[in-house]
Structure formats: structure tokens, C-alpha cells
C-alpha atoms as a PDB file:
ATOM      1  CA  MET A   1       0.000   0.000   0.000  1.00  0.00           C
ATOM      2  CA  SER A   2       1.278   3.477  -0.717  1.00  0.00           C
ATOM      3  CA  ALA A   3       2.288   5.890   2.011  1.00  0.00           C
ATOM      4  CA  VAL A   4      -0.477   8.029   3.510  1.00  0.00           C
ATOM      5  CA  PRO A   5       0.279  11.652   4.297  1.00  0.00           C
ATOM      6  CA  ILE A   6      -0.046  12.228   8.035  1.00  0.00           C
ATOM      7  CA  TYR A   7      -2.252  15.293   7.559  1.00  0.00           C
ATOM      8  CA  LEU A   8      -5.290  13.198   6.587  1.00  0.00           C
ATOM      9  CA  GLY A   9      -8.089  13.444   9.087  1.00  0.00           C
ATOM     10  CA  ARG A  10      -9.693  10.399  10.640  1.00  0.00           C
ATOM     11  CA  ALA A  11     -12.613  10.304   8.154  1.00  0.00           C
ATOM     12  CA  ALA A  12     -10.305  10.665   5.151  1.00  0.00           C
ATOM     13  CA  LEU A  13      -7.966   8.011   6.483  1.00  0.00           C
ATOM     14  CA  ASN A  14     -10.850   5.582   7.048  1.00  0.00           C
ATOM     15  CA  SER A  15     -12.057   6.211   3.486  1.00  0.00           C
ATOM     16  CA  PHE A  16      -8.578   5.571   2.184  1.00  0.00           C
ATOM     17  CA  TYR A  17      -8.386   2.175   3.869  1.00  0.00           C
ATOM     18  CA  ARG A  18     -11.768   1.170   2.441  1.00  0.00           C
ATOM     19  CA  LEU A  19     -10.604   1.674  -1.155  1.00  0.00           C
ATOM     20  CA  GLU A  20     -10.315  -1.393  -3.330  1.00  0.00           C
ATOM     21  CA  PRO A  21      -6.727  -2.538  -3.953  1.00  0.00           C
ATOM     22  CA  GLY A  22      -5.211  -0.909  -7.009  1.00  0.00           C
ATOM     23  CA  THR A  23      -7.423   2.181  -6.958  1.00  0.00           C
ATOM     24  CA  THR A  24      -4.703   4.352  -5.417  1.00  0.00           C
ATOM     25  CA  ASP A  25      -2.141   3.779  -8.161  1.00  0.00           C
ATOM     26  CA  ARG A  26      -1.258   6.960  -9.974  1.00  0.00           C
ATOM     27  CA  LEU A  27       1.159   8.199 -12.521  1.00  0.00           C
ATOM     28  CA  TYR A  28       4.253   9.890 -11.158  1.00  0.00           C
ATOM     29  CA  SER A  29       5.768  13.254 -11.932  1.00  0.00           C
ATOM     30  CA  ALA A  30       9.427  14.270 -12.168  1.00  0.00           C
ATOM     31  CA  ASP A  31       9.124  15.645  -8.634  1.00  0.00           C
ATOM     32  CA  ASP A  32       8.186  12.185  -7.400  1.00  0.00           C
ATOM     33  CA  LEU A  33      11.231  10.643  -9.080  1.00  0.00           C
ATOM     34  CA  TYR A  34      13.476  13.082  -7.210  1.00  0.00           C
ATOM     35  CA  THR A  35      12.309  11.531  -3.925  1.00  0.00           C
ATOM     36  CA  ILE A  36      13.739   8.100  -4.790  1.00  0.00           C
ATOM     37  CA  ARG A  37      17.039   7.538  -3.007  1.00  0.00           C
ATOM     38  CA  GLN A  38      19.515   4.692  -2.977  1.00  0.00           C
ATOM     39  CA  GLY A  39      19.615   3.099   0.449  1.00  0.00           C
ATOM     40  CA  ASP A  40      22.853   3.115   2.455  1.00  0.00           C
ATOM     41  CA  SER A  41      23.431  -0.596   1.912  1.00  0.00           C
ATOM     42  CA  GLU A  42      21.348  -0.967  -1.255  1.00  0.00           C
ATOM     43  CA  PRO A  43      23.345  -2.324  -4.210  1.00  0.00           C
ATOM     44  CA  PHE A  44      23.457  -0.061  -7.258  1.00  0.00           C
ATOM     45  CA  ARG A  45      21.725  -2.707  -9.373  1.00  0.00           C
ATOM     46  CA  GLU A  46      18.742  -2.848  -6.989  1.00  0.00           C
ATOM     47  CA  TYR A  47      18.459   0.938  -6.869  1.00  0.00           C
ATOM     48  CA  ALA A  48      18.595   1.101 -10.677  1.00  0.00           C
ATOM     49  CA  ALA A  49      15.893  -1.563 -11.008  1.00  0.00           C
ATOM     50  CA  ARG A  50      13.661   0.156  -8.449  1.00  0.00           C
ATOM     51  CA  PHE A  51      14.134   3.535 -10.112  1.00  0.00           C
ATOM     52  CA  SER A  52      13.478   2.043 -13.546  1.00  0.00           C
ATOM     53  CA  HIS A  53      10.222   0.530 -12.304  1.00  0.00           C
ATOM     54  CA  GLU A  54       9.012   3.869 -10.971  1.00  0.00           C
ATOM     55  CA  TYR A  55      10.196   5.703 -14.093  1.00  0.00           C
ATOM     56  CA  SER A  56       8.145   3.331 -16.241  1.00  0.00           C
ATOM     57  CA  ARG A  57       5.068   4.697 -14.447  1.00  0.00           C
ATOM     58  CA  CYS A  58       5.909   8.255 -15.615  1.00  0.00           C
ATOM     59  CA  PRO A  59       4.862   8.482 -19.268  1.00  0.00           C
ATOM     60  CA  GLU A  60       5.063  12.292 -19.414  1.00  0.00           C
ATOM     61  CA  ILE A  61       8.638  12.670 -18.142  1.00  0.00           C
ATOM     62  CA  ASP A  62      11.480  13.242 -20.577  1.00  0.00           C
ATOM     63  CA  ASP A  63      14.694  11.265 -20.327  1.00  0.00           C
ATOM     64  CA  ARG A  64      16.804  14.262 -19.267  1.00  0.00           C
ATOM     65  CA  ALA A  65      14.633  14.941 -16.208  1.00  0.00           C
ATOM     66  CA  ALA A  66      14.583  11.250 -15.317  1.00  0.00           C
ATOM     67  CA  PHE A  67      18.363  11.009 -15.590  1.00  0.00           C
ATOM     68  CA  GLY A  68      18.764  14.037 -13.326  1.00  0.00           C
ATOM     69  CA  ALA A  69      16.470  12.444 -10.759  1.00  0.00           C
ATOM     70  CA  PHE A  70      18.359   9.151 -11.006  1.00  0.00           C
ATOM     71  CA  LYS A  71      21.726  10.823 -10.398  1.00  0.00           C
ATOM     72  CA  SER A  72      20.414  12.865  -7.489  1.00  0.00           C
ATOM     73  CA  GLY A  73      19.250   9.685  -5.772  1.00  0.00           C
ATOM     74  CA  LEU A  74      22.704   8.122  -5.725  1.00  0.00           C
END
């Protein structure tokens, strides 16, 4: 399940948990890609695969922006 912002009120949070699985998927923006970071002990290959998976969910992002986000997460 995706992360829930902590500013949701009780009613909104309850509604969120009642959603059917898969209804909270969304397409990502370049800003979202910039939040992906390589873990301290995460191998480069795993970070690259994880980033690639998230990038594949961003159809509107150009390669230059994605590459910048990838490098900033290293």
C-alpha cells in the first residue's frame, strides 16, 4: 500500500483504507522521481531496477529529467 500523508483526518484516512486494492495507483511526476534515493546498503543494481520501475510509471517525463532524478538519488 502506498504511504499516507499524516495530515489526513480520521474520516479521510478511514475512506482511504476502504478503497479497493489498485485504486490508489497513480502516474508519477518528475518531482516524485526526485524523492527516490539509494539506500545506504542498497546495491546499485537494486536501486537502478527500483528507479526504472518507478520511471516506467511516468509516461510524461522526458529522459533528461529522469536522468537528473536518477543521479540525485545516488
